[in-house]
């Protein structure tokens, strides 16, 4: 049973790595950066594959 779980974990990890490797990354020319009047810095990376919005505050 334990061996089966380990094999499933390894398979899932490998599948995830292959999927992540296939995702194209944005180049510097595809990233639009701006600073708003209130000092907030915004970076926009357009991706037409899915309508997703992500917000990250540091």
Protein backbone atom coordinates (compact mmCIF):
# COMPACT_ATOMS: atom_id res chain seq x y z
CA UNK A 1 0.00 0.00 0.00
CA UNK A 2 2.77 2.42 0.96
CA UNK A 3 4.68 1.64 -2.24
CA UNK A 4 1.59 2.38 -4.32
CA UNK A 5 1.13 5.76 -2.64
CA UNK A 6 4.77 6.65 -3.25
CA UNK A 7 4.47 5.69 -6.92
CA UNK A 8 1.30 7.77 -7.27
CA UNK A 9 3.06 10.73 -5.65
CA UNK A 10 6.04 10.41 -8.00
CA UNK A 11 3.76 10.16 -11.02
CA UNK A 12 1.75 13.22 -9.95
CA UNK A 13 4.94 15.21 -9.33
CA UNK A 14 6.35 14.26 -12.72
CA UNK A 15 3.08 15.17 -14.45
CA UNK A 16 3.06 18.55 -12.72
CA UNK A 17 6.64 19.29 -13.74
CA UNK A 18 5.93 18.38 -17.37
CA UNK A 19 2.85 20.60 -17.37
CA UNK A 20 4.73 23.54 -15.87
CA UNK A 21 7.57 23.13 -18.35
CA UNK A 22 5.10 23.37 -21.24
CA UNK A 23 3.70 26.73 -20.07
CA UNK A 24 5.36 29.57 -21.97
CA UNK A 25 6.76 32.35 -19.83
CA UNK A 26 6.35 36.03 -20.59
CA UNK A 27 9.25 37.96 -22.02
CA UNK A 28 10.15 41.45 -20.86
CA UNK A 29 8.49 42.99 -23.93
CA UNK A 30 5.15 41.34 -23.06
CA UNK A 31 5.01 42.83 -19.56
CA UNK A 32 3.47 46.29 -19.18
CA UNK A 33 4.57 48.11 -16.02
CA UNK A 34 3.16 51.34 -14.63
CA UNK A 35 3.13 53.32 -11.40
CA UNK A 36 -0.21 54.85 -10.43
CA UNK A 37 -0.62 58.32 -8.92
CA UNK A 38 -0.89 56.82 -5.44
CA UNK A 39 2.46 55.01 -5.83
CA UNK A 40 1.03 51.56 -6.51
CA UNK A 41 3.19 49.69 -9.00
CA UNK A 42 1.25 47.59 -11.51
CA UNK A 43 2.56 44.88 -13.85
CA UNK A 44 0.23 43.48 -16.51
CA UNK A 45 1.00 40.23 -18.33
CA UNK A 46 -1.65 39.52 -20.93
CA UNK A 47 -2.61 35.89 -21.45
CA UNK A 48 -5.57 35.16 -23.69
CA UNK A 49 -5.81 31.47 -22.76
CA UNK A 50 -7.99 32.08 -19.72
CA UNK A 51 -9.71 35.10 -18.18
CA UNK A 52 -7.81 35.08 -14.90
CA UNK A 53 -6.85 37.97 -12.64
CA UNK A 54 -4.19 37.55 -9.97
CA UNK A 55 -3.28 40.09 -7.29
CA UNK A 56 -0.11 40.01 -5.21
CA UNK A 57 0.68 42.51 -2.47
CA UNK A 58 4.09 42.69 -0.81
